[in-house]
mmCIF file of all heavy atoms, coordinates in Angstrom:
data_MODEL
# 
_entry.id   MODEL 
# 
loop_
_atom_site.group_PDB 
_atom_site.id 
_atom_site.type_symbol 
_atom_site.label_atom_id 
_atom_site.label_alt_id 
_atom_site.label_comp_id 
_atom_site.label_asym_id 
_atom_site.label_entity_id 
_atom_site.label_seq_id 
_atom_site.pdbx_PDB_ins_code 
_atom_site.Cartn_x 
_atom_site.Cartn_y 
_atom_site.Cartn_z 
_atom_site.occupancy 
_atom_site.B_iso_or_equiv 
_atom_site.pdbx_formal_charge 
_atom_site.auth_seq_id 
_atom_site.auth_comp_id 
_atom_site.auth_asym_id 
_atom_site.auth_atom_id 
_atom_site.pdbx_PDB_model_num 
ATOM 1   N N   . ILE A 1 1  ? -43.923 86.822 -64.039 1.00 0.00 ? 1  ILE A N   1 
ATOM 2   C CA  . ILE A 1 1  ? -44.272 86.828 -65.437 1.00 0.00 ? 1  ILE A CA  1 
ATOM 3   C C   . ILE A 1 1  ? -44.673 88.184 -65.984 1.00 0.00 ? 1  ILE A C   1 
ATOM 4   O O   . ILE A 1 1  ? -45.383 88.231 -67.004 1.00 0.00 ? 1  ILE A O   1 
ATOM 5   C CB  . ILE A 1 1  ? -45.474 85.787 -65.647 1.00 0.00 ? 1  ILE A CB  1 
ATOM 6   C CG1 . ILE A 1 1  ? -46.720 86.230 -64.953 1.00 0.00 ? 1  ILE A CG1 1 
ATOM 7   C CG2 . ILE A 1 1  ? -45.102 84.371 -65.245 1.00 0.00 ? 1  ILE A CG2 1 
ATOM 8   C CD1 . ILE A 1 1  ? -48.004 85.515 -65.445 1.00 0.00 ? 1  ILE A CD1 1 
ATOM 9   N N   . ASP A 1 2  ? -44.287 89.256 -65.349 1.00 0.00 ? 2  ASP A N   1 
ATOM 10  C CA  . ASP A 1 2  ? -44.901 90.579 -65.620 1.00 0.00 ? 2  ASP A CA  1 
ATOM 11  C C   . ASP A 1 2  ? -44.519 91.098 -67.043 1.00 0.00 ? 2  ASP A C   1 
ATOM 12  O O   . ASP A 1 2  ? -45.197 91.918 -67.649 1.00 0.00 ? 2  ASP A O   1 
ATOM 13  C CB  . ASP A 1 2  ? -44.624 91.624 -64.644 1.00 0.00 ? 2  ASP A CB  1 
ATOM 14  C CG  . ASP A 1 2  ? -43.154 91.894 -64.489 1.00 0.00 ? 2  ASP A CG  1 
ATOM 15  O OD1 . ASP A 1 2  ? -42.542 92.671 -65.259 1.00 0.00 ? 2  ASP A OD1 1 
ATOM 16  O OD2 . ASP A 1 2  ? -42.580 91.311 -63.532 1.00 0.00 ? 2  ASP A OD2 1 
ATOM 17  N N   . GLY A 1 3  ? -43.341 90.657 -67.533 1.00 0.00 ? 3  GLY A N   1 
ATOM 18  C CA  . GLY A 1 3  ? -42.943 91.114 -68.881 1.00 0.00 ? 3  GLY A CA  1 
ATOM 19  C C   . GLY A 1 3  ? -42.526 92.507 -69.022 1.00 0.00 ? 3  GLY A C   1 
ATOM 20  O O   . GLY A 1 3  ? -42.367 93.019 -70.092 1.00 0.00 ? 3  GLY A O   1 
ATOM 21  N N   . ILE A 1 4  ? -42.371 93.242 -67.891 1.00 0.00 ? 4  ILE A N   1 
ATOM 22  C CA  . ILE A 1 4  ? -41.927 94.623 -67.895 1.00 0.00 ? 4  ILE A CA  1 
ATOM 23  C C   . ILE A 1 4  ? -40.584 94.736 -67.129 1.00 0.00 ? 4  ILE A C   1 
ATOM 24  O O   . ILE A 1 4  ? -39.565 95.107 -67.618 1.00 0.00 ? 4  ILE A O   1 
ATOM 25  C CB  . ILE A 1 4  ? -42.984 95.570 -67.256 1.00 0.00 ? 4  ILE A CB  1 
ATOM 26  C CG1 . ILE A 1 4  ? -44.298 95.445 -68.074 1.00 0.00 ? 4  ILE A CG1 1 
ATOM 27  C CG2 . ILE A 1 4  ? -42.510 96.959 -67.134 1.00 0.00 ? 4  ILE A CG2 1 
ATOM 28  C CD1 . ILE A 1 4  ? -45.443 96.091 -67.459 1.00 0.00 ? 4  ILE A CD1 1 
ATOM 29  N N   . TYR A 1 5  ? -40.624 94.309 -65.865 1.00 0.00 ? 5  TYR A N   1 
ATOM 30  C CA  . TYR A 1 5  ? -39.461 94.335 -65.021 1.00 0.00 ? 5  TYR A CA  1 
ATOM 31  C C   . TYR A 1 5  ? -38.777 92.964 -64.999 1.00 0.00 ? 5  TYR A C   1 
ATOM 32  O O   . TYR A 1 5  ? -37.614 92.833 -64.580 1.00 0.00 ? 5  TYR A O   1 
ATOM 33  C CB  . TYR A 1 5  ? -39.771 94.797 -63.589 1.00 0.00 ? 5  TYR A CB  1 
ATOM 34  C CG  . TYR A 1 5  ? -40.345 96.191 -63.611 1.00 0.00 ? 5  TYR A CG  1 
ATOM 35  C CD1 . TYR A 1 5  ? -41.670 96.376 -63.371 1.00 0.00 ? 5  TYR A CD1 1 
ATOM 36  C CD2 . TYR A 1 5  ? -39.537 97.284 -63.858 1.00 0.00 ? 5  TYR A CD2 1 
ATOM 37  C CE1 . TYR A 1 5  ? -42.266 97.697 -63.293 1.00 0.00 ? 5  TYR A CE1 1 
ATOM 38  C CE2 . TYR A 1 5  ? -40.081 98.543 -63.791 1.00 0.00 ? 5  TYR A CE2 1 
ATOM 39  C CZ  . TYR A 1 5  ? -41.396 98.730 -63.539 1.00 0.00 ? 5  TYR A CZ  1 
ATOM 40  O OH  . TYR A 1 5  ? -41.944 99.975 -63.552 1.00 0.00 ? 5  TYR A OH  1 
ATOM 41  N N   . ASN A 1 6  ? -39.511 91.985 -65.421 1.00 0.00 ? 6  ASN A N   1 
ATOM 42  C CA  . ASN A 1 6  ? -39.033 90.607 -65.453 1.00 0.00 ? 6  ASN A CA  1 
ATOM 43  C C   . ASN A 1 6  ? -39.398 89.921 -66.738 1.00 0.00 ? 6  ASN A C   1 
ATOM 44  O O   . ASN A 1 6  ? -40.002 90.563 -67.611 1.00 0.00 ? 6  ASN A O   1 
ATOM 45  C CB  . ASN A 1 6  ? -39.642 89.823 -64.248 1.00 0.00 ? 6  ASN A CB  1 
ATOM 46  C CG  . ASN A 1 6  ? -39.263 90.407 -62.966 1.00 0.00 ? 6  ASN A CG  1 
ATOM 47  O OD1 . ASN A 1 6  ? -38.073 90.358 -62.571 1.00 0.00 ? 6  ASN A OD1 1 
ATOM 48  N ND2 . ASN A 1 6  ? -40.177 90.982 -62.255 1.00 0.00 ? 6  ASN A ND2 1 
ATOM 49  N N   . MET A 1 7  ? -39.171 88.666 -66.852 1.00 0.00 ? 7  MET A N   1 
ATOM 50  C CA  . MET A 1 7  ? -39.590 87.935 -68.054 1.00 0.00 ? 7  MET A CA  1 
ATOM 51  C C   . MET A 1 7  ? -41.101 87.883 -68.132 1.00 0.00 ? 7  MET A C   1 
ATOM 52  O O   . MET A 1 7  ? -41.827 88.026 -67.117 1.00 0.00 ? 7  MET A O   1 
ATOM 53  C CB  . MET A 1 7  ? -39.049 86.480 -67.966 1.00 0.00 ? 7  MET A CB  1 
ATOM 54  C CG  . MET A 1 7  ? -39.390 85.643 -66.720 1.00 0.00 ? 7  MET A CG  1 
ATOM 55  S SD  . MET A 1 7  ? -38.463 84.135 -66.655 1.00 0.00 ? 7  MET A SD  1 
ATOM 56  C CE  . MET A 1 7  ? -38.848 83.570 -65.048 1.00 0.00 ? 7  MET A CE  1 
ATOM 57  N N   . GLY A 1 8  ? -41.598 87.748 -69.346 1.00 0.00 ? 8  GLY A N   1 
ATOM 58  C CA  . GLY A 1 8  ? -42.974 87.627 -69.613 1.00 0.00 ? 8  GLY A CA  1 
ATOM 59  C C   . GLY A 1 8  ? -43.471 86.239 -69.509 1.00 0.00 ? 8  GLY A C   1 
ATOM 60  O O   . GLY A 1 8  ? -42.691 85.276 -69.264 1.00 0.00 ? 8  GLY A O   1 
ATOM 61  N N   . PRO A 1 9  ? -44.791 85.962 -69.769 1.00 0.00 ? 9  PRO A N   1 
ATOM 62  C CA  . PRO A 1 9  ? -45.357 84.621 -69.718 1.00 0.00 ? 9  PRO A CA  1 
ATOM 63  C C   . PRO A 1 9  ? -44.663 83.633 -70.615 1.00 0.00 ? 9  PRO A C   1 
ATOM 64  O O   . PRO A 1 9  ? -44.468 82.478 -70.212 1.00 0.00 ? 9  PRO A O   1 
ATOM 65  C CB  . PRO A 1 9  ? -46.807 84.806 -70.077 1.00 0.00 ? 9  PRO A CB  1 
ATOM 66  C CG  . PRO A 1 9  ? -47.161 86.245 -69.721 1.00 0.00 ? 9  PRO A CG  1 
ATOM 67  C CD  . PRO A 1 9  ? -45.875 86.977 -70.012 1.00 0.00 ? 9  PRO A CD  1 
ATOM 68  N N   . ALA A 1 10 ? -44.322 84.039 -71.813 1.00 0.00 ? 10 ALA A N   1 
ATOM 69  C CA  . ALA A 1 10 ? -43.686 83.045 -72.732 1.00 0.00 ? 10 ALA A CA  1 
ATOM 70  C C   . ALA A 1 10 ? -42.316 82.603 -72.253 1.00 0.00 ? 10 ALA A C   1 
ATOM 71  O O   . ALA A 1 10 ? -41.997 81.410 -72.221 1.00 0.00 ? 10 ALA A O   1 
ATOM 72  C CB  . ALA A 1 10 ? -43.606 83.637 -74.167 1.00 0.00 ? 10 ALA A CB  1 
ATOM 73  N N   . GLU A 1 11 ? -41.501 83.575 -71.846 1.00 0.00 ? 11 GLU A N   1 
ATOM 74  C CA  . GLU A 1 11 ? -40.229 83.257 -71.336 1.00 0.00 ? 11 GLU A CA  1 
ATOM 75  C C   . GLU A 1 11 ? -40.280 82.459 -70.042 1.00 0.00 ? 11 GLU A C   1 
ATOM 76  O O   . GLU A 1 11 ? -39.501 81.477 -69.839 1.00 0.00 ? 11 GLU A O   1 
ATOM 77  C CB  . GLU A 1 11 ? -39.310 84.482 -71.085 1.00 0.00 ? 11 GLU A CB  1 
ATOM 78  C CG  . GLU A 1 11 ? -37.890 84.142 -70.690 1.00 0.00 ? 11 GLU A CG  1 
ATOM 79  C CD  . GLU A 1 11 ? -37.022 85.387 -70.522 1.00 0.00 ? 11 GLU A CD  1 
ATOM 80  O OE1 . GLU A 1 11 ? -37.482 86.490 -70.829 1.00 0.00 ? 11 GLU A OE1 1 
ATOM 81  O OE2 . GLU A 1 11 ? -35.852 85.192 -70.017 1.00 0.00 ? 11 GLU A OE2 1 
ATOM 82  N N   . ALA A 1 12 ? -41.166 82.794 -69.193 1.00 0.00 ? 12 ALA A N   1 
ATOM 83  C CA  . ALA A 1 12 ? -41.368 82.114 -67.952 1.00 0.00 ? 12 ALA A CA  1 
ATOM 84  C C   . ALA A 1 12 ? -41.867 80.652 -68.204 1.00 0.00 ? 12 ALA A C   1 
ATOM 85  O O   . ALA A 1 12 ? -41.378 79.702 -67.472 1.00 0.00 ? 12 ALA A O   1 
ATOM 86  C CB  . ALA A 1 12 ? -42.361 82.803 -67.022 1.00 0.00 ? 12 ALA A CB  1 
ATOM 87  N N   . SER A 1 13 ? -42.679 80.481 -69.213 1.00 0.00 ? 13 SER A N   1 
ATOM 88  C CA  . SER A 1 13 ? -43.091 79.133 -69.558 1.00 0.00 ? 13 SER A CA  1 
ATOM 89  C C   . SER A 1 13 ? -41.915 78.265 -69.992 1.00 0.00 ? 13 SER A C   1 
ATOM 90  O O   . SER A 1 13 ? -41.808 77.121 -69.701 1.00 0.00 ? 13 SER A O   1 
ATOM 91  C CB  . SER A 1 13 ? -44.205 79.177 -70.654 1.00 0.00 ? 13 SER A CB  1 
ATOM 92  O OG  . SER A 1 13 ? -45.300 79.920 -70.231 1.00 0.00 ? 13 SER A OG  1 
ATOM 93  N N   . ALA A 1 14 ? -41.078 78.903 -70.767 1.00 0.00 ? 14 ALA A N   1 
ATOM 94  C CA  . ALA A 1 14 ? -39.871 78.174 -71.263 1.00 0.00 ? 14 ALA A CA  1 
ATOM 95  C C   . ALA A 1 14 ? -38.954 77.831 -70.094 1.00 0.00 ? 14 ALA A C   1 
ATOM 96  O O   . ALA A 1 14 ? -38.422 76.699 -69.951 1.00 0.00 ? 14 ALA A O   1 
ATOM 97  C CB  . ALA A 1 14 ? -39.096 79.033 -72.300 1.00 0.00 ? 14 ALA A CB  1 
ATOM 98  N N   . CYS A 1 15 ? -38.797 78.744 -69.078 1.00 0.00 ? 15 CYS A N   1 
ATOM 99  C CA  . CYS A 1 15 ? -38.042 78.499 -67.916 1.00 0.00 ? 15 CYS A CA  1 
ATOM 100 C C   . CYS A 1 15 ? -38.650 77.329 -67.136 1.00 0.00 ? 15 CYS A C   1 
ATOM 101 O O   . CYS A 1 15 ? -37.904 76.523 -66.565 1.00 0.00 ? 15 CYS A O   1 
ATOM 102 C CB  . CYS A 1 15 ? -37.892 79.708 -67.065 1.00 0.00 ? 15 CYS A CB  1 
ATOM 103 S SG  . CYS A 1 15 ? -36.871 80.970 -67.890 1.00 0.00 ? 15 CYS A SG  1 
ATOM 104 N N   . ALA A 1 16 ? -39.979 77.354 -67.020 1.00 0.00 ? 16 ALA A N   1 
ATOM 105 C CA  . ALA A 1 16 ? -40.627 76.226 -66.279 1.00 0.00 ? 16 ALA A CA  1 
ATOM 106 C C   . ALA A 1 16 ? -40.238 74.860 -66.893 1.00 0.00 ? 16 ALA A C   1 
ATOM 107 O O   . ALA A 1 16 ? -40.060 73.900 -66.215 1.00 0.00 ? 16 ALA A O   1 
ATOM 108 C CB  . ALA A 1 16 ? -42.113 76.433 -66.248 1.00 0.00 ? 16 ALA A CB  1 
ATOM 109 N N   . GLY A 1 17 ? -40.134 74.860 -68.246 1.00 0.00 ? 17 GLY A N   1 
ATOM 110 C CA  . GLY A 1 17 ? -39.811 73.644 -68.947 1.00 0.00 ? 17 GLY A CA  1 
ATOM 111 C C   . GLY A 1 17 ? -38.344 73.205 -68.577 1.00 0.00 ? 17 GLY A C   1 
ATOM 112 O O   . GLY A 1 17 ? -38.024 72.001 -68.545 1.00 0.00 ? 17 GLY A O   1 
ATOM 113 N N   . LEU A 1 18 ? -37.470 74.181 -68.309 1.00 0.00 ? 18 LEU A N   1 
ATOM 114 C CA  . LEU A 1 18 ? -36.043 73.861 -67.921 1.00 0.00 ? 18 LEU A CA  1 
ATOM 115 C C   . LEU A 1 18 ? -36.024 73.370 -66.485 1.00 0.00 ? 18 LEU A C   1 
ATOM 116 O O   . LEU A 1 18 ? -35.256 72.416 -66.116 1.00 0.00 ? 18 LEU A O   1 
ATOM 117 C CB  . LEU A 1 18 ? -35.212 75.092 -68.095 1.00 0.00 ? 18 LEU A CB  1 
ATOM 118 C CG  . LEU A 1 18 ? -35.022 75.679 -69.460 1.00 0.00 ? 18 LEU A CG  1 
ATOM 119 C CD1 . LEU A 1 18 ? -34.337 77.004 -69.361 1.00 0.00 ? 18 LEU A CD1 1 
ATOM 120 C CD2 . LEU A 1 18 ? -34.205 74.657 -70.331 1.00 0.00 ? 18 LEU A CD2 1 
ATOM 121 N N   . ILE A 1 19 ? -36.801 74.043 -65.592 1.00 0.00 ? 19 ILE A N   1 
ATOM 122 C CA  . ILE A 1 19 ? -36.717 73.760 -64.188 1.00 0.00 ? 19 ILE A CA  1 
ATOM 123 C C   . ILE A 1 19 ? -37.392 72.362 -63.821 1.00 0.00 ? 19 ILE A C   1 
ATOM 124 O O   . ILE A 1 19 ? -36.948 71.640 -62.916 1.00 0.00 ? 19 ILE A O   1 
ATOM 125 C CB  . ILE A 1 19 ? -37.371 74.921 -63.396 1.00 0.00 ? 19 ILE A CB  1 
ATOM 126 C CG1 . ILE A 1 19 ? -36.605 76.177 -63.605 1.00 0.00 ? 19 ILE A CG1 1 
ATOM 127 C CG2 . ILE A 1 19 ? -37.491 74.570 -61.924 1.00 0.00 ? 19 ILE A CG2 1 
ATOM 128 C CD1 . ILE A 1 19 ? -37.362 77.399 -63.234 1.00 0.00 ? 19 ILE A CD1 1 
ATOM 129 N N   . ARG A 1 20 ? -38.469 72.113 -64.537 1.00 0.00 ? 20 ARG A N   1 
ATOM 130 C CA  . ARG A 1 20 ? -39.211 70.854 -64.358 1.00 0.00 ? 20 ARG A CA  1 
ATOM 131 C C   . ARG A 1 20 ? -39.700 70.549 -62.966 1.00 0.00 ? 20 ARG A C   1 
ATOM 132 O O   . ARG A 1 20 ? -39.587 69.457 -62.436 1.00 0.00 ? 20 ARG A O   1 
ATOM 133 C CB  . ARG A 1 20 ? -38.354 69.672 -64.884 1.00 0.00 ? 20 ARG A CB  1 
ATOM 134 C CG  . ARG A 1 20 ? -37.982 69.764 -66.387 1.00 0.00 ? 20 ARG A CG  1 
ATOM 135 C CD  . ARG A 1 20 ? -37.725 68.407 -67.009 1.00 0.00 ? 20 ARG A CD  1 
ATOM 136 N NE  . ARG A 1 20 ? -36.627 67.688 -66.401 1.00 0.00 ? 20 ARG A NE  1 
ATOM 137 C CZ  . ARG A 1 20 ? -35.329 67.756 -66.773 1.00 0.00 ? 20 ARG A CZ  1 
ATOM 138 N NH1 . ARG A 1 20 ? -35.012 68.620 -67.717 1.00 0.00 ? 20 ARG A NH1 1 
ATOM 139 N NH2 . ARG A 1 20 ? -34.411 67.083 -66.179 1.00 0.00 ? 20 ARG A NH2 1 
ATOM 140 N N   . ALA A 1 21 ? -40.170 71.580 -62.330 1.00 0.00 ? 21 ALA A N   1 
ATOM 141 C CA  . ALA A 1 21 ? -40.846 71.480 -61.034 1.00 0.00 ? 21 ALA A CA  1 
ATOM 142 C C   . ALA A 1 21 ? -42.126 70.602 -61.163 1.00 0.00 ? 21 ALA A C   1 
ATOM 143 O O   . ALA A 1 21 ? -42.751 70.604 -62.212 1.00 0.00 ? 21 ALA A O   1 
ATOM 144 C CB  . ALA A 1 21 ? -41.157 72.826 -60.336 1.00 0.00 ? 21 ALA A CB  1 
ATOM 145 N N   . ARG A 1 22 ? -42.490 69.983 -60.056 1.00 0.00 ? 22 ARG A N   1 
ATOM 146 C CA  . ARG A 1 22 ? -43.719 69.228 -60.065 1.00 0.00 ? 22 ARG A CA  1 
ATOM 147 C C   . ARG A 1 22 ? -44.952 70.159 -60.316 1.00 0.00 ? 22 ARG A C   1 
ATOM 148 O O   . ARG A 1 22 ? -45.854 69.813 -61.055 1.00 0.00 ? 22 ARG A O   1 
ATOM 149 C CB  . ARG A 1 22 ? -43.910 68.499 -58.693 1.00 0.00 ? 22 ARG A CB  1 
ATOM 150 C CG  . ARG A 1 22 ? -44.909 67.434 -58.701 1.00 0.00 ? 22 ARG A CG  1 
ATOM 151 C CD  . ARG A 1 22 ? -44.768 66.573 -57.464 1.00 0.00 ? 22 ARG A CD  1 
ATOM 152 N NE  . ARG A 1 22 ? -46.028 66.222 -56.935 1.00 0.00 ? 22 ARG A NE  1 
ATOM 153 C CZ  . ARG A 1 22 ? -46.544 66.744 -55.782 1.00 0.00 ? 22 ARG A CZ  1 
ATOM 154 N NH1 . ARG A 1 22 ? -45.813 67.500 -55.004 1.00 0.00 ? 22 ARG A NH1 1 
ATOM 155 N NH2 . ARG A 1 22 ? -47.757 66.404 -55.410 1.00 0.00 ? 22 ARG A NH2 1 
ATOM 156 N N   . HIS A 1 23 ? -44.889 71.311 -59.744 1.00 0.00 ? 23 HIS A N   1 
ATOM 157 C CA  . HIS A 1 23 ? -45.886 72.348 -59.947 1.00 0.00 ? 23 HIS A CA  1 
ATOM 158 C C   . HIS A 1 23 ? -45.241 73.697 -60.099 1.00 0.00 ? 23 HIS A C   1 
ATOM 159 O O   . HIS A 1 23 ? -44.293 73.994 -59.405 1.00 0.00 ? 23 HIS A O   1 
ATOM 160 C CB  . HIS A 1 23 ? -46.878 72.424 -58.801 1.00 0.00 ? 23 HIS A CB  1 
ATOM 161 C CG  . HIS A 1 23 ? -47.725 71.163 -58.674 1.00 0.00 ? 23 HIS A CG  1 
ATOM 162 N ND1 . HIS A 1 23 ? -48.733 70.806 -59.504 1.00 0.00 ? 23 HIS A ND1 1 
ATOM 163 C CD2 . HIS A 1 23 ? -47.668 70.197 -57.693 1.00 0.00 ? 23 HIS A CD2 1 
ATOM 164 C CE1 . HIS A 1 23 ? -49.233 69.631 -59.104 1.00 0.00 ? 23 HIS A CE1 1 
ATOM 165 N NE2 . HIS A 1 23 ? -48.638 69.259 -57.984 1.00 0.00 ? 23 HIS A NE2 1 
ATOM 166 N N   . THR A 1 24 ? -45.790 74.547 -61.053 1.00 0.00 ? 24 THR A N   1 
ATOM 167 C CA  . THR A 1 24 ? -45.194 75.830 -61.176 1.00 0.00 ? 24 THR A CA  1 
ATOM 168 C C   . THR A 1 24 ? -46.345 76.871 -61.123 1.00 0.00 ? 24 THR A C   1 
ATOM 169 O O   . THR A 1 24 ? -47.424 76.664 -61.681 1.00 0.00 ? 24 THR A O   1 
ATOM 170 C CB  . THR A 1 24 ? -44.447 76.036 -62.508 1.00 0.00 ? 24 THR A CB  1 
ATOM 171 O OG1 . THR A 1 24 ? -43.489 74.963 -62.558 1.00 0.00 ? 24 THR A OG1 1 
ATOM 172 C CG2 . THR A 1 24 ? -43.750 77.394 -62.593 1.00 0.00 ? 24 THR A CG2 1 
# 
């Protein structure tokens, strides 16, 4: 979630919604 070299917290949150893991 660093938002510099990778996605930031907002994009990671959206991805978590796609993945639908029991825990993220």
